[in-house]
Amino acid sequence: MFQSSPRRPRPEANPHRATLVATEFEAALAERAWSAASLDGAPCFRAFFVRRGRAVFKPRDGAALELVAPQILWLPFAARGEFRLAAGGDGAALLASEDIVWRTIGENPLAAQLRPLLDRILVAAGGLVEIDMLFAALARESREPGPGAPVMAGLYLGLLLMHLWREGGLARASDALAAGAPTAQRFRQLVELHYRDNLGLDDYARRLGVARAHLHEACARAFGRPPQRLVHERLIAEARVRLRDTGQTAEQIAYGLGFRDPAYFSRFFSRRVGMSPGAYRRASRVAPPQAPTSFAAWP
């Protein structure tokens, strides 16, 4: 069960922000409510796992969603409202920054199928044992981060997103799309898999079994942009993430994205972003003023 929420451009992140906070909560005698929707003042994705009992999510607009354990509620950054857990219920909660969710989905081979999670409210069956273990692991890495904690948290988050994709009905929707998908949609899926492989449009058209002219027309009609631009947009999005969130040099990033000439990559990036890779990295690491972080509503 899901509903759409407005799409927002991919975030320009501050790498010093918290990226993930997970908390487990025990049963209590009274109803409890959560409304926190940000990390360090930045909008974030949220997930609630109802291990036992009942809960309800009351959005600011629209009908309330009822949950009966074991179930998971996934909320995109644009969703606003209050999550209320009935007395006697227990489970876990998660706040995840836009950066870590984008990165986790972007690095998954099923990225095109997982992308609907970026802008949909989703309720999925819990799978009690495995989901309990995932939330417990996320809470542990959040509470007592050890060596490689961000990587471990990303892996656990990826497993949680895959579970939501399977149990929330998105896998069936993906199968239906694959069976009769329009050319433009299938092209976007191929781009997600091969944007680093330096494929030409003729290669994509051949894999899709269509003429290059048909591919161009399909993308222009569906997305308002030619296929080559869509490939370039995906490369730029990945380059931004690597410049912000890794210590790789611009040369390493260029080779990792399939560019044979780092100087050409620098010109390619500068033309499309308006600044060089080095200038973009410096600008992205300037911390903007932030609202105080408060998790008072969390257990």
Protein backbone atom coordinates (compact mmCIF):
# COMPACT_ATOMS: atom_id res chain seq x y z
CA MET A 1 0.00 0.00 0.00
CA PHE A 2 1.59 3.26 -1.03
CA GLN A 3 0.98 6.75 -2.23
CA SER A 4 3.07 9.18 -4.22
CA SER A 5 4.71 12.25 -2.72
CA PRO A 6 6.45 15.15 -4.52
CA ARG A 7 9.84 14.40 -6.04
CA ARG A 8 12.76 16.54 -5.00
CA PRO A 9 16.15 17.00 -6.72
CA ARG A 10 19.01 14.90 -5.44
CA PRO A 11 20.48 16.61 -2.36
CA GLU A 12 23.71 18.54 -2.18
CA ALA A 13 24.89 17.06 1.10
CA ASN A 14 27.08 18.21 3.93
CA PRO A 15 29.38 15.22 4.58
CA HIS A 16 29.70 16.16 8.27
CA ARG A 17 26.01 15.51 8.99
CA ALA A 18 24.76 12.42 10.72
CA THR A 19 23.59 9.94 8.09
CA LEU A 20 21.67 7.32 10.07
CA VAL A 21 20.11 7.00 13.53
CA ALA A 22 18.33 3.79 14.56
CA THR A 23 16.56 3.15 17.87
CA GLU A 24 14.75 0.19 19.41
CA PHE A 25 11.81 0.77 21.74
CA GLU A 26 10.25 -1.52 24.33
CA ALA A 27 6.59 -1.95 25.27
CA ALA A 28 5.05 0.80 27.41
CA LEU A 29 1.80 1.28 29.29
CA ALA A 30 0.76 4.35 27.31
CA GLU A 31 0.51 5.26 23.64
CA ARG A 32 3.61 6.96 22.22
CA ALA A 33 4.10 9.30 19.25
CA TRP A 34 7.00 10.22 16.97
CA SER A 35 7.14 13.16 14.61
CA ALA A 36 10.89 13.76 14.10
CA ALA A 37 11.57 14.12 10.38
CA SER A 38 15.11 15.47 10.13
CA LEU A 39 18.76 14.82 10.89
CA ASP A 40 20.66 17.97 11.88
CA GLY A 41 17.87 20.03 10.37
CA ALA A 42 17.92 18.23 7.01
CA PRO A 43 14.86 16.23 5.79
CA CYS A 44 15.36 12.49 5.94
CA PHE A 45 13.75 9.15 5.21
CA ARG A 46 12.12 7.28 8.10
CA ALA A 47 11.14 3.70 8.82
CA PHE A 48 9.16 2.20 11.70
CA PHE A 49 9.08 -1.50 12.51
CA VAL A 50 6.07 -2.62 14.56
CA ARG A 51 7.28 -5.84 16.17
CA ARG A 52 4.25 -6.33 18.39
CA GLY A 53 0.98 -4.46 18.71
CA ARG A 54 -0.72 -1.85 16.54
CA ALA A 55 0.25 1.56 15.21
CA VAL A 56 -1.07 4.29 12.95
CA PHE A 57 0.56 6.93 10.77
CA LYS A 58 -1.46 10.13 10.49
CA PRO A 59 -0.21 12.24 7.58
CA ARG A 60 -0.87 15.96 7.47
CA ASP A 61 -2.89 15.34 4.32
CA GLY A 62 -4.68 12.12 3.41
CA ALA A 63 -6.07 9.10 5.18
CA ALA A 64 -4.41 7.48 8.18
CA LEU A 65 -2.46 4.23 7.64
CA GLU A 66 -2.97 1.46 10.18
CA LEU A 67 -0.27 -1.11 10.92
CA VAL A 68 -0.67 -4.48 12.62
CA ALA A 69 2.50 -6.27 13.73
CA PRO A 70 4.74 -7.41 12.25
CA GLN A 71 4.83 -4.62 9.66
CA ILE A 72 7.20 -1.91 8.43
CA LEU A 73 6.26 1.65 7.50
CA TRP A 74 8.60 3.45 5.09
CA LEU A 75 8.31 7.24 4.79
CA PRO A 76 10.07 9.38 2.16
CA PHE A 77 11.59 12.75 3.07
CA ALA A 78 8.54 14.64 1.80
CA ALA A 79 6.07 12.75 4.03
CA ARG A 80 4.94 14.71 7.08
CA GLY A 81 2.80 13.45 9.89
CA GLU A 82 2.79 11.60 13.20
CA PHE A 83 3.49 7.93 13.92
CA ARG A 84 1.61 6.62 16.97
CA LEU A 85 2.27 3.27 18.62
CA ALA A 86 -0.49 1.81 20.77
CA ALA A 87 0.13 0.90 24.40
CA GLY A 88 1.85 -2.48 24.76
CA GLY A 89 3.47 -2.32 21.33
CA ASP A 90 7.19 -2.41 20.64
CA GLY A 91 9.57 -2.28 17.68
CA ALA A 92 12.21 0.01 16.20
CA ALA A 93 12.63 3.27 14.30
CA LEU A 94 15.11 4.61 11.77
CA LEU A 95 16.13 8.03 10.46
CA ALA A 96 18.29 7.92 7.31
CA SER A 97 19.69 10.92 5.46
CA GLU A 98 18.92 11.45 1.80
CA ASP A 99 22.59 10.89 1.01
CA ILE A 100 22.88 7.40 2.45
CA VAL A 101 19.57 6.28 0.90
CA TRP A 102 20.50 7.66 -2.54
CA ARG A 103 23.93 6.04 -2.31
CA THR A 104 22.59 2.69 -1.12
CA ILE A 105 20.03 2.54 -3.91
CA GLY A 106 22.43 3.87 -6.54
CA GLU A 107 25.00 1.17 -5.83
CA ASN A 108 22.46 -1.65 -6.02
CA PRO A 109 22.16 -3.64 -9.30
CA LEU A 110 18.38 -3.22 -8.96
CA ALA A 111 18.64 0.56 -8.60
CA ALA A 112 16.01 1.30 -11.24
CA GLN A 113 13.48 -0.92 -9.47
CA LEU A 114 14.32 0.45 -6.01
CA ARG A 115 13.97 4.10 -7.00
CA PRO A 116 10.19 4.22 -6.28
CA LEU A 117 11.17 3.96 -2.59
CA LEU A 118 12.54 7.49 -2.88
CA ASP A 119 9.09 9.08 -3.13
CA ARG A 120 6.47 6.64 -1.86
CA ILE A 121 4.92 5.82 1.48
CA LEU A 122 5.04 2.06 1.77
CA VAL A 123 3.69 -0.51 4.22
CA ALA A 124 5.19 -3.99 4.02
CA ALA A 125 5.01 -7.28 5.92
CA GLY A 126 7.65 -7.46 8.62
CA GLY A 127 9.30 -10.86 8.32
CA LEU A 128 9.74 -10.88 12.09
CA VAL A 129 13.08 -12.63 12.61
CA GLU A 130 15.12 -11.14 9.77
CA ILE A 131 13.75 -7.60 10.13
CA ASP A 132 14.23 -7.72 13.89
CA MET A 133 17.88 -8.63 13.29
CA LEU A 134 18.35 -5.84 10.73
CA PHE A 135 16.92 -3.13 12.97
CA ALA A 136 18.93 -4.46 15.93
CA ALA A 137 22.11 -4.31 13.83
CA LEU A 138 21.32 -0.79 12.62
CA ALA A 139 20.64 0.34 16.19
CA ARG A 140 23.94 -1.17 17.35
CA GLU A 141 25.95 0.56 14.62
CA SER A 142 24.16 3.82 15.42
CA ARG A 143 24.65 3.51 19.18
CA GLU A 144 28.16 2.03 19.29
CA PRO A 145 29.81 2.61 15.91
CA GLY A 146 32.81 0.38 15.35
CA PRO A 147 35.42 0.31 12.57
CA GLY A 148 33.71 0.66 9.19
CA ALA A 149 30.38 1.55 10.81
CA PRO A 150 29.12 3.65 7.86
CA VAL A 151 29.78 0.79 5.45
CA MET A 152 28.10 -1.74 7.73
CA ALA A 153 25.10 0.55 8.22
CA GLY A 154 24.82 0.97 4.45
CA LEU A 155 24.82 -2.81 3.95
CA TYR A 156 22.10 -3.34 6.56
CA LEU A 157 20.07 -0.49 5.08
CA GLY A 158 20.41 -2.08 1.63
CA LEU A 159 18.99 -5.35 2.94
CA LEU A 160 16.10 -3.48 4.53
CA LEU A 161 15.34 -1.66 1.27
CA MET A 162 15.44 -4.95 -0.64
CA HIS A 163 12.93 -6.42 1.83
CA LEU A 164 10.64 -3.42 1.34
CA TRP A 165 10.97 -3.83 -2.43
CA ARG A 166 9.99 -7.50 -2.24
CA GLU A 167 7.26 -7.40 0.37
CA GLY A 168 5.75 -4.03 -0.52
CA GLY A 169 4.71 -5.07 -4.02
CA LEU A 170 7.41 -3.19 -5.93
CA ALA A 171 9.06 -6.43 -7.10
CA ARG A 172 5.83 -7.51 -8.79
CA ALA A 173 5.51 -4.08 -10.39
CA SER A 174 9.11 -4.41 -11.63
CA ASP A 175 8.35 -7.82 -13.14
CA ALA A 176 5.34 -6.38 -14.97
CA LEU A 177 7.44 -3.50 -16.25
CA ALA A 178 10.15 -5.86 -17.50
CA ALA A 179 7.54 -7.97 -19.33
CA GLY A 180 6.05 -5.09 -21.28
CA ALA A 181 8.08 -2.00 -20.50
CA PRO A 182 8.22 0.86 -22.94
CA THR A 183 11.55 1.40 -24.60
CA ALA A 184 12.34 4.51 -22.55
CA GLN A 185 11.81 2.76 -19.22
CA ARG A 186 13.90 -0.22 -20.23
CA PHE A 187 16.60 2.18 -21.38
CA ARG A 188 16.68 3.83 -17.94
CA GLN A 189 17.11 0.41 -16.35
CA LEU A 190 20.00 -0.40 -18.67
CA VAL A 191 21.64 2.94 -17.89
CA GLU A 192 21.53 2.12 -14.18
CA LEU A 193 23.38 -1.11 -14.87
CA HIS A 194 25.90 0.14 -17.45
CA TYR A 195 26.46 3.89 -17.08
CA ARG A 196 30.07 3.22 -15.99
CA ASP A 197 30.79 0.91 -18.93
CA ASN A 198 31.26 3.64 -21.57
CA LEU A 199 28.55 2.18 -23.83
CA GLY A 200 27.46 4.15 -26.89
CA LEU A 201 23.86 4.72 -27.93
CA ASP A 202 24.22 2.07 -30.63
CA ASP A 203 25.17 -0.43 -27.89
CA TYR A 204 22.09 0.47 -25.84
CA ALA A 205 19.81 0.32 -28.89
CA ARG A 206 21.19 -3.08 -29.85
CA ARG A 207 20.57 -4.48 -26.35
CA LEU A 208 17.04 -3.13 -26.46
CA GLY A 209 16.45 -4.53 -29.93
CA VAL A 210 15.42 -1.20 -31.42
CA ALA A 211 16.83 1.30 -33.90
CA ARG A 212 18.81 4.24 -32.54
CA ALA A 213 16.25 6.67 -33.97
CA HIS A 214 13.45 4.84 -32.16
CA LEU A 215 15.40 5.03 -28.86
CA HIS A 216 15.89 8.78 -29.32
CA GLU A 217 12.20 9.34 -30.07
CA ALA A 218 11.07 7.20 -27.11
CA CYS A 219 13.26 9.08 -24.59
CA ALA A 220 12.30 12.48 -25.97
CA ARG A 221 8.61 11.58 -25.69
CA ALA A 222 8.84 9.99 -22.21
CA PHE A 223 11.41 12.21 -20.50
CA GLY A 224 11.70 15.29 -22.67
CA ARG A 225 15.43 14.65 -23.09
CA PRO A 226 17.52 12.65 -25.57
CA PRO A 227 19.09 9.36 -24.41
CA GLN A 228 22.65 10.68 -24.42
CA ARG A 229 21.69 13.41 -21.99
CA LEU A 230 20.13 10.85 -19.65
CA VAL A 231 23.39 8.90 -19.60
CA HIS A 232 25.34 12.09 -18.90
CA GLU A 233 22.97 13.07 -16.08
CA ARG A 234 23.52 9.68 -14.43
CA LEU A 235 27.31 10.04 -14.71
CA ILE A 236 27.21 13.53 -13.21
CA ALA A 237 24.98 12.36 -10.33
CA GLU A 238 27.45 9.60 -9.48
CA ALA A 239 30.44 11.93 -9.83
CA ARG A 240 28.81 14.36 -7.37
CA VAL A 241 28.33 11.59 -4.80
CA ARG A 242 31.93 10.38 -5.10
CA LEU A 243 33.35 13.89 -4.87
CA ARG A 244 31.27 14.63 -1.77
CA ASP A 245 31.45 11.36 0.07
CA THR A 246 34.79 9.71 -0.78
CA GLY A 247 38.45 10.63 -0.64
CA GLN A 248 39.06 9.52 -4.21
CA THR A 249 40.96 11.94 -6.45
CA ALA A 250 39.25 13.38 -9.51
CA GLU A 251 41.48 11.13 -11.60
CA GLN A 252 40.37 8.00 -9.72
CA ILE A 253 36.74 9.03 -10.06
CA ALA A 254 37.20 9.63 -13.78
CA TYR A 255 38.62 6.15 -14.37
CA GLY A 256 35.98 4.58 -12.09
CA LEU A 257 33.23 6.13 -14.22
CA GLY A 258 34.70 4.84 -17.48
CA PHE A 259 36.53 7.97 -18.66
CA ARG A 260 39.86 7.24 -20.33
CA ASP A 261 41.12 10.81 -19.96
CA PRO A 262 40.82 12.55 -16.55
CA ALA A 263 41.23 15.95 -18.24
CA TYR A 264 38.21 15.24 -20.42
CA PHE A 265 36.24 14.20 -17.33
CA SER A 266 37.11 17.52 -15.68
CA ARG A 267 35.87 19.47 -18.73
CA PHE A 268 32.75 17.25 -18.95
CA PHE A 269 31.92 17.87 -15.28
CA SER A 270 32.66 21.61 -15.45
CA ARG A 271 30.40 22.18 -18.46
CA ARG A 272 27.44 20.50 -16.81
CA VAL A 273 27.84 21.60 -13.19
CA GLY A 274 29.33 25.05 -13.69
CA MET A 275 32.48 24.38 -11.66
CA SER A 276 35.44 22.03 -11.72
CA PRO A 277 35.43 18.75 -9.74
CA GLY A 278 37.85 20.26 -7.22
CA ALA A 279 35.76 23.40 -6.76
CA TYR A 280 32.61 21.31 -6.36
CA ARG A 281 34.28 19.18 -3.68
CA ARG A 282 35.40 22.25 -1.74
CA ALA A 283 31.98 23.89 -2.00
CA SER A 284 30.15 20.74 -0.86
CA ARG A 285 32.26 20.56 2.29
CA VAL A 286 31.43 24.04 3.49
CA ALA A 287 29.00 23.42 6.34
CA PRO A 288 25.88 25.63 6.10
CA PRO A 289 24.17 26.93 9.25
CA GLN A 290 22.18 24.10 10.80
CA ALA A 291 19.21 23.90 13.10
CA PRO A 292 19.97 22.21 16.43
CA THR A 293 19.57 18.44 16.31
CA SER A 294 16.85 17.14 18.59
CA PHE A 295 15.69 13.58 19.06
CA ALA A 296 13.50 14.39 22.03
CA ALA A 297 10.53 12.64 20.44
CA TRP A 298 12.55 9.44 20.08
CA PRO A 299 12.72 6.75 22.76
